[in-house]
Amino acid sequence: MNRSAWKMYDANGNAKFFLSLCLDVCPQCNYQRQNLALDKAPVDFVGEDNLWGIIILAVSGLGIILALATLIVFLFRHSTPVVTGVATSLNMMLIFGIILMYMMVFAFMVSATPATCGIRRFGFGFSYSLCMVALFMKALRVARIYQHVNFSGTSSLTTKKSSYTFGAMILLSVQIVILVEWLILREPGVHHKIVNTSGMATYPIHRVDWFCNHSDLSLLLSLIFIYLLVLAAFVLSATAFRSKDFNNEARYILTSSILTILCLAAWIWVYMGGPKEYKIPSTCILLCVNSSVLLMFMFSPKILALAKGPAEEIGAQSTRSIEYRDTNAYNRTNTGGEGIENGGYSHLNELQAQPPMEEEVKYDNTTMTKPGSVSSNGVGRKGWSNGKPIASF
């Protein structure tokens, strides 16, 4: 029997479909024509019915709470060596970047609208740039200290923390210009695709999928500067891997940069080569995992050092600080040839206990003194080294 010929009519002669639950017997019986609204993209939340969405949302929420707690601890302990080690501003920039990366997960899990597409395009690159710029500048500072102290023939380096903050702002502005230019050249928008989910041309059941109007490749190309920054951070931290300055900061930067490279490589492979339905989940997983990696490796050692007290905070200082031995030669002489790269902290208490010495200097046959300038062994202190001013950094 050909059931497709069954039809019902109302009193006006219009076709009427009988509502039936027997879809396998009579699919046309409960068919109702759909009124598709295509003029405006609806605001919906995707992924809440899937396991991956629930896990990502839970981890992101927990990550935001932990990052905010870390920020509060750093604000209350802002004067400790752990916080001021490399540069307080770089630590704060990295924390804000991590928080923003977690928040971007929610932006990608909201359905595509012109507003959310613009937030995705700018926020994705901006949050990554905050983290990678801070990571790069941290690696640059640690590497310069390590290379200068161990391999330079001079004893002065005038680069201050403020210059690294200024450099970070310049690098951050480069990524901001790239993102703003992209938004201007192609205004955020959406396009739709109608999908027949019933598989039957005669009785179709349509679903409207909304997508942002930017291409997948353009999103990847907008992060080129990010790729260069993380590669540079990897190289710099690798050169200073033996450094123990700032609680082994170089090793944590190296670990974070390696894991970031792996995360980005896996995301690019899935985003460009995987099915279209994997693009949003892979991006959310990237943001969640990468931000968690940075939070774990860059801040958990600092929180542990703060929890252990002042004795552990000593390691957060740089071996190149003026309070420590200023020349590598002195450290090699007084630490049994170990030098800065093996610590150089063995005479810290002895140094702190020494009163400031006075150096006699002759100006036009007149003997004058510079209080607190140089110790009796010729090692510079309090901004002076062998009679010449130097700057702490």
Protein backbone atom coordinates (compact mmCIF):
# COMPACT_ATOMS: atom_id res chain seq x y z
CA MET A 1 0.00 0.00 0.00
CA ASN A 2 1.35 3.43 -0.92
CA ARG A 3 0.94 5.38 2.30
CA SER A 4 2.49 8.48 0.77
CA ALA A 5 -0.85 9.10 -0.98
CA TRP A 6 -2.72 9.42 2.30
CA LYS A 7 -3.86 12.95 2.81
CA MET A 8 -6.34 14.75 5.04
CA TYR A 9 -8.21 17.97 4.36
CA ASP A 10 -9.88 20.48 6.63
CA ALA A 11 -13.28 22.07 6.03
CA ASN A 12 -11.78 24.67 3.73
CA GLY A 13 -10.10 22.10 1.54
CA ASN A 14 -6.58 22.74 2.79
CA ALA A 15 -4.26 19.80 3.19
CA LYS A 16 -3.98 18.70 6.81
CA PHE A 17 -1.46 16.25 8.23
CA PHE A 18 -2.44 13.79 10.88
CA LEU A 19 -0.10 13.91 13.86
CA SER A 20 1.28 10.47 14.39
CA LEU A 21 4.15 9.04 16.42
CA CYS A 22 4.77 6.28 13.91
CA LEU A 23 7.56 7.98 11.99
CA ASP A 24 8.91 4.73 10.65
CA VAL A 25 5.48 3.86 9.17
CA CYS A 26 4.13 7.24 8.16
CA PRO A 27 6.77 10.02 8.18
CA GLN A 28 4.50 12.38 6.27
CA CYS A 29 1.70 12.09 8.83
CA ASN A 30 3.28 14.42 11.35
CA TYR A 31 5.12 16.60 8.88
CA GLN A 32 4.64 20.31 9.43
CA ARG A 33 6.11 22.99 7.24
CA GLN A 34 8.68 25.12 9.03
CA ASN A 35 8.79 28.85 9.19
CA LEU A 36 12.51 29.61 9.11
CA ALA A 37 13.61 32.99 10.50
CA LEU A 38 16.67 33.97 8.49
CA ASP A 39 16.71 37.72 9.06
CA LYS A 40 18.50 37.60 12.42
CA ALA A 41 20.81 35.08 14.03
CA PRO A 42 19.37 33.75 17.31
CA VAL A 43 21.42 33.92 20.49
CA ASP A 44 21.92 30.43 21.81
CA PHE A 45 24.37 28.51 23.93
CA VAL A 46 26.11 25.59 22.25
CA GLY A 47 27.74 22.64 23.94
CA GLU A 48 25.72 22.65 27.15
CA ASP A 49 24.15 19.32 26.19
CA ASN A 50 27.50 17.68 25.42
CA LEU A 51 30.01 16.27 27.86
CA TRP A 52 32.88 18.30 26.41
CA GLY A 53 30.91 21.52 26.87
CA ILE A 54 30.11 20.81 30.52
CA ILE A 55 33.74 19.92 31.31
CA ILE A 56 35.16 22.97 29.51
CA LEU A 57 32.71 25.32 31.24
CA ALA A 58 33.51 23.85 34.66
CA VAL A 59 37.28 24.03 34.14
CA SER A 60 37.06 27.57 32.78
CA GLY A 61 34.98 28.75 35.71
CA LEU A 62 37.40 27.16 38.18
CA GLY A 63 40.35 28.65 36.30
CA ILE A 64 38.90 32.16 36.51
CA ILE A 65 38.44 31.76 40.27
CA LEU A 66 42.01 30.51 40.77
CA ALA A 67 43.45 33.27 38.57
CA LEU A 68 41.53 35.94 40.47
CA ALA A 69 42.73 34.46 43.76
CA THR A 70 46.31 34.59 42.47
CA LEU A 71 45.82 38.21 41.45
CA ILE A 72 44.52 39.10 44.91
CA VAL A 73 47.48 37.37 46.59
CA PHE A 74 49.92 39.23 44.35
CA LEU A 75 48.25 42.56 45.09
CA PHE A 76 48.52 41.98 48.84
CA ARG A 77 52.14 40.75 48.55
CA HIS A 78 53.22 43.18 45.86
CA SER A 79 56.42 44.21 47.66
CA THR A 80 57.84 40.70 48.10
CA PRO A 81 60.70 39.44 45.88
CA VAL A 82 58.44 36.75 44.44
CA VAL A 83 56.11 39.34 42.94
CA THR A 84 58.69 41.97 42.04
CA GLY A 85 61.22 39.42 40.72
CA VAL A 86 61.21 39.75 36.94
CA ALA A 87 58.73 42.63 36.84
CA THR A 88 55.45 43.11 38.67
CA SER A 89 53.79 44.56 35.58
CA LEU A 90 54.65 41.46 33.51
CA ASN A 91 53.14 39.19 36.16
CA MET A 92 49.96 41.25 36.19
CA MET A 93 49.80 41.28 32.40
CA LEU A 94 50.13 37.50 32.32
CA ILE A 95 47.39 37.02 34.94
CA PHE A 96 44.98 39.29 33.08
CA GLY A 97 45.75 37.44 29.86
CA ILE A 98 45.00 34.09 31.49
CA ILE A 99 41.69 35.37 32.88
CA LEU A 100 40.75 36.73 29.46
CA MET A 101 41.59 33.40 27.79
CA TYR A 102 39.26 31.60 30.18
CA MET A 103 36.52 34.14 29.46
CA MET A 104 36.95 33.70 25.72
CA VAL A 105 35.75 30.11 26.13
CA PHE A 106 32.27 31.47 26.90
CA ALA A 107 32.40 33.74 23.83
CA PHE A 108 33.05 30.75 21.57
CA MET A 109 30.29 28.70 23.19
CA VAL A 110 27.66 31.33 22.39
CA SER A 111 26.12 30.99 18.93
CA ALA A 112 27.48 33.13 16.12
CA THR A 113 26.11 36.67 15.97
CA PRO A 114 27.77 39.83 14.65
CA ALA A 115 28.65 40.83 18.22
CA THR A 116 30.06 37.47 19.29
CA CYS A 117 32.00 37.12 16.03
CA GLY A 118 33.67 40.48 16.66
CA ILE A 119 34.47 39.48 20.24
CA ARG A 120 35.96 36.20 19.06
CA ARG A 121 38.15 37.81 16.43
CA PHE A 122 39.54 40.51 18.72
CA GLY A 123 39.46 38.74 22.08
CA PHE A 124 41.13 35.55 20.88
CA GLY A 125 44.23 37.30 19.56
CA PHE A 126 44.30 39.95 22.30
CA SER A 127 44.16 37.45 25.17
CA TYR A 128 46.92 35.38 23.58
CA SER A 129 49.02 38.47 22.96
CA LEU A 130 48.80 39.51 26.62
CA CYS A 131 50.13 36.12 27.70
CA MET A 132 52.77 35.66 25.01
CA VAL A 133 54.13 39.21 25.23
CA ALA A 134 54.52 38.82 29.01
CA LEU A 135 56.12 35.40 28.55
CA PHE A 136 58.52 36.72 25.92
CA MET A 137 59.59 39.74 27.98
CA LYS A 138 60.10 37.55 31.04
CA ALA A 139 62.28 35.19 28.99
CA LEU A 140 64.22 38.12 27.55
CA ARG A 141 64.96 39.59 30.98
CA VAL A 142 66.06 36.29 32.51
CA ALA A 143 68.19 35.44 29.47
CA ARG A 144 69.90 38.84 29.47
CA ILE A 145 70.71 38.55 33.16
CA TYR A 146 72.08 35.04 32.74
CA GLN A 147 74.11 35.80 29.64
CA HIS A 148 75.46 39.07 31.00
CA VAL A 149 76.54 37.76 34.37
CA ASN A 150 78.11 34.56 33.11
CA PHE A 151 79.59 35.50 29.77
CA SER A 152 80.09 39.26 29.74
CA GLY A 153 83.36 40.86 30.64
CA THR A 154 81.68 43.92 32.14
CA SER A 155 79.82 44.23 35.39
CA SER A 156 77.12 46.74 34.59
CA LEU A 157 73.81 46.40 32.80
CA THR A 158 71.55 49.43 32.91
CA THR A 159 68.29 47.90 31.65
CA LYS A 160 65.57 48.49 34.25
CA LYS A 161 62.25 46.76 34.82
CA SER A 162 60.37 49.75 33.48
CA SER A 163 62.03 49.32 30.09
CA TYR A 164 60.66 45.75 29.85
CA THR A 165 57.19 47.04 30.67
CA PHE A 166 57.54 49.69 27.97
CA GLY A 167 58.74 47.07 25.50
CA ALA A 168 55.77 44.85 26.38
CA MET A 169 53.38 47.73 25.64
CA ILE A 170 54.99 48.26 22.24
CA LEU A 171 54.72 44.57 21.33
CA LEU A 172 51.12 44.46 22.57
CA SER A 173 50.24 47.44 20.42
CA VAL A 174 51.49 45.58 17.33
CA GLN A 175 48.93 42.80 17.84
CA ILE A 176 46.19 45.32 18.62
CA VAL A 177 46.88 47.13 15.34
CA ILE A 178 46.67 43.82 13.46
CA LEU A 179 43.33 42.92 15.04
CA VAL A 180 41.77 46.37 14.66
CA GLU A 181 42.83 46.54 11.02
CA TRP A 182 41.25 43.14 10.42
CA LEU A 183 37.97 44.29 12.01
CA ILE A 184 37.95 47.44 9.87
CA LEU A 185 38.74 45.69 6.59
CA ARG A 186 36.11 43.01 7.18
CA GLU A 187 33.25 43.99 9.43
CA PRO A 188 32.06 41.21 11.75
CA GLY A 189 28.98 39.47 10.45
CA VAL A 190 27.30 36.08 10.05
CA HIS A 191 26.05 33.85 7.28
CA HIS A 192 23.79 30.82 7.48
CA LYS A 193 23.47 27.36 5.98
CA ILE A 194 20.21 25.40 5.82
CA VAL A 195 20.61 21.71 6.55
CA ASN A 196 17.99 19.02 5.93
CA THR A 197 18.17 16.77 8.96
CA SER A 198 15.38 14.35 7.87
CA GLY A 199 17.25 13.03 4.85
CA MET A 200 14.03 13.15 2.75
CA ALA A 201 13.61 15.70 0.01
CA THR A 202 9.80 15.35 0.03
CA TYR A 203 9.41 15.94 3.77
CA PRO A 204 12.48 17.93 4.83
CA ILE A 205 13.16 19.05 8.37
CA HIS A 206 15.48 22.01 8.24
CA ARG A 207 18.06 23.26 10.68
CA VAL A 208 19.76 26.63 10.24
CA ASP A 209 23.44 26.76 11.14
CA TRP A 210 24.98 30.20 11.65
CA PHE A 211 28.66 30.95 11.06
CA CYS A 212 30.91 33.97 11.37
CA ASN A 213 31.74 35.60 8.04
CA HIS A 214 35.53 35.36 8.46
CA SER A 215 37.41 32.44 6.98
CA ASP A 216 39.21 29.82 9.04
CA LEU A 217 42.55 30.76 7.49
CA SER A 218 42.14 34.43 8.39
CA LEU A 219 41.78 33.55 12.07
CA LEU A 220 45.01 31.55 11.93
CA LEU A 221 46.87 34.31 10.06
CA SER A 222 45.81 36.88 12.65
CA LEU A 223 47.92 34.97 15.19
CA ILE A 224 51.21 35.03 13.24
CA PHE A 225 52.72 37.54 15.67
CA ILE A 226 51.70 35.25 18.55
CA TYR A 227 53.51 32.31 16.95
CA LEU A 228 56.69 34.39 16.63
CA LEU A 229 56.50 35.51 20.26
CA VAL A 230 56.12 32.01 21.68
CA LEU A 231 58.97 30.71 19.51
CA ALA A 232 61.20 33.59 20.66
CA ALA A 233 60.28 32.89 24.30
CA PHE A 234 61.20 29.24 23.77
CA VAL A 235 64.63 30.11 22.33
CA LEU A 236 65.46 32.70 25.01
CA SER A 237 64.39 30.51 27.91
CA ALA A 238 66.34 27.59 26.44
CA THR A 239 69.53 29.66 26.40
CA ALA A 240 69.05 30.47 30.09
CA PHE A 241 67.88 27.01 31.14
CA ARG A 242 70.68 26.67 33.73
CA SER A 243 69.72 29.96 35.38
CA LYS A 244 68.33 29.68 38.90
CA ASP A 245 67.25 33.31 39.05
CA PHE A 246 63.72 34.14 40.20
CA ASN A 247 62.98 30.63 41.49
CA ASN A 248 64.07 28.90 38.27
CA GLU A 249 61.87 31.18 36.19
CA ALA A 250 63.67 30.29 32.94
CA ARG A 251 62.77 26.61 33.29
CA TYR A 252 59.10 27.35 33.90
CA ILE A 253 59.03 29.71 30.92
CA LEU A 254 60.63 27.01 28.77
CA THR A 255 58.08 24.43 29.89
CA SER A 256 55.18 26.81 29.31
CA SER A 257 56.41 27.79 25.85
CA ILE A 258 56.90 24.16 24.79
CA LEU A 259 53.40 23.19 25.92
CA THR A 260 51.95 26.30 24.27
CA ILE A 261 53.60 25.36 20.97
CA LEU A 262 52.17 21.85 21.23
CA CYS A 263 48.69 23.18 22.03
CA LEU A 264 48.74 25.59 19.09
CA ALA A 265 50.07 22.94 16.70
CA ALA A 266 47.34 20.48 17.70
CA TRP A 267 44.66 23.17 17.40
CA ILE A 268 45.82 24.24 13.92
CA TRP A 269 45.80 20.62 12.76
CA VAL A 270 42.24 20.01 14.01
CA TYR A 271 40.91 23.46 13.07
CA MET A 272 42.12 23.31 9.48
CA GLY A 273 42.01 19.58 8.78
CA GLY A 274 39.18 18.30 10.96
CA PRO A 275 35.42 18.32 10.38
CA LYS A 276 33.60 21.63 10.66
CA GLU A 277 31.78 20.56 13.81
CA TYR A 278 35.15 20.21 15.59
CA LYS A 279 36.22 23.84 15.08
CA ILE A 280 34.40 25.40 18.04
CA PRO A 281 35.15 22.54 20.50
CA SER A 282 38.84 22.51 19.53
CA THR A 283 39.12 26.27 20.02
CA CYS A 284 37.45 26.10 23.45
CA ILE A 285 39.72 23.23 24.49
CA LEU A 286 42.79 25.16 23.29
CA LEU A 287 41.89 28.24 25.33
CA CYS A 288 41.06 26.22 28.43
CA VAL A 289 44.11 23.94 28.34
CA ASN A 290 46.66 26.60 27.37
CA SER A 291 45.50 29.06 30.02
CA SER A 292 45.59 26.29 32.63
CA VAL A 293 49.16 25.41 31.60
CA LEU A 294 50.29 29.03 32.00
CA LEU A 295 48.54 29.38 35.34
CA MET A 296 50.04 26.15 36.64
CA PHE A 297 53.65 26.58 35.57
CA MET A 298 54.05 30.35 35.83
CA PHE A 299 52.23 31.07 39.08
CA SER A 300 51.92 27.95 41.22
CA PRO A 301 55.70 28.00 42.03
CA LYS A 302 55.36 31.63 43.11
CA ILE A 303 52.36 30.87 45.31
CA LEU A 304 54.29 28.00 46.93
CA ALA A 305 57.27 30.29 47.53
CA LEU A 306 55.02 32.86 49.19
CA ALA A 307 53.45 30.15 51.33
CA LYS A 308 56.83 28.87 52.53
CA GLY A 309 57.89 32.26 53.81
CA PRO A 310 60.86 34.65 53.52
CA ALA A 311 63.51 31.92 53.39
CA GLU A 312 62.06 30.63 50.13
CA GLU A 313 61.52 34.12 48.75
CA ILE A 314 65.27 34.75 48.67
CA GLY A 315 65.47 32.63 45.55
CA ALA A 316 63.05 34.96 43.82
CA GLN A 317 65.74 37.62 43.52
CA SER A 318 68.18 37.80 40.67
CA THR A 319 71.78 36.86 41.21
CA ARG A 320 72.60 40.02 39.28
CA SER A 321 70.96 42.36 41.82
CA ILE A 322 73.22 44.85 43.58
CA GLU A 323 72.46 43.19 46.94
CA TYR A 324 74.25 40.11 45.62
CA ARG A 325 77.77 39.83 44.27
CA ASP A 326 77.99 42.12 41.31
CA THR A 327 80.66 40.39 39.26
CA ASN A 328 80.79 36.86 38.01
CA ALA A 329 84.50 36.68 38.76
CA TYR A 330 83.87 37.37 42.43
CA ASN A 331 81.28 34.60 42.60
CA ARG A 332 83.58 32.13 40.91
CA THR A 333 86.31 33.03 43.39
CA ASN A 334 84.17 32.86 46.51
CA THR A 335 81.90 29.96 45.66
CA GLY A 336 84.59 27.44 44.84
CA GLY A 337 84.43 28.08 41.09
CA GLU A 338 80.68 27.48 40.85
CA GLY A 339 79.82 31.00 39.79
CA ILE A 340 76.43 32.54 39.25
CA GLU A 341 75.05 29.74 37.17
CA ASN A 342 75.27 27.38 40.15
CA GLY A 343 73.57 29.67 42.55
CA GLY A 344 76.03 32.23 43.87
CA TYR A 345 74.00 32.67 47.05
CA SER A 346 76.47 31.18 49.54
CA HIS A 347 77.68 34.57 50.77
CA LEU A 348 74.31 36.29 50.90
CA ASN A 349 74.01 36.45 54.68
CA GLU A 350 77.65 37.46 54.97
CA LEU A 351 77.14 40.22 52.44
CA GLN A 352 74.02 41.55 54.13
CA ALA A 353 75.84 41.65 57.45
CA GLN A 354 78.71 43.75 56.09
CA PRO A 355 78.50 47.48 56.82
CA PRO A 356 78.94 49.82 53.87
CA MET A 357 82.59 50.60 53.17
CA GLU A 358 84.11 53.87 52.11
CA GLU A 359 86.37 54.35 49.17
CA GLU A 360 89.06 56.97 49.06
CA VAL A 361 89.20 58.87 45.79
CA LYS A 362 91.68 61.58 44.85
CA TYR A 363 90.41 64.62 43.07
CA ASP A 364 93.17 67.14 42.24
CA ASN A 365 95.47 65.79 44.98
CA THR A 366 92.61 66.03 47.49
CA THR A 367 91.48 62.81 49.13
CA MET A 368 87.69 62.44 49.29
CA THR A 369 85.42 59.55 50.22
CA LYS A 370 82.29 58.10 48.65
CA PRO A 371 80.24 56.63 51.53
CA GLY A 372 78.84 53.16 51.04
CA SER A 373 80.27 52.85 47.55
CA VAL A 374 82.82 50.05 47.35
CA SER A 375 83.82 47.30 49.73
CA SER A 376 87.42 46.61 50.63
CA ASN A 377 87.72 43.81 48.09
CA GLY A 378 86.88 46.14 45.18
CA VAL A 379 83.42 44.81 44.48
CA GLY A 380 80.93 47.55 43.75
CA ARG A 381 78.01 48.14 46.10
CA LYS A 382 75.12 50.57 46.37
CA GLY A 383 75.31 51.65 42.77
CA TRP A 384 79.11 51.81 42.34
CA SER A 385 81.57 49.29 40.92
CA ASN A 386 85.33 49.95 40.92
CA GLY A 387 84.72 53.66 41.19
CA LYS A 388 82.19 53.75 38.33
CA PRO A 389 78.42 54.09 38.74
CA ILE A 390 76.25 51.17 37.68
CA ALA A 391 72.51 50.71 37.70
CA SER A 392 70.51 47.92 39.26
CA PHE A 393 67.87 46.36 37.05
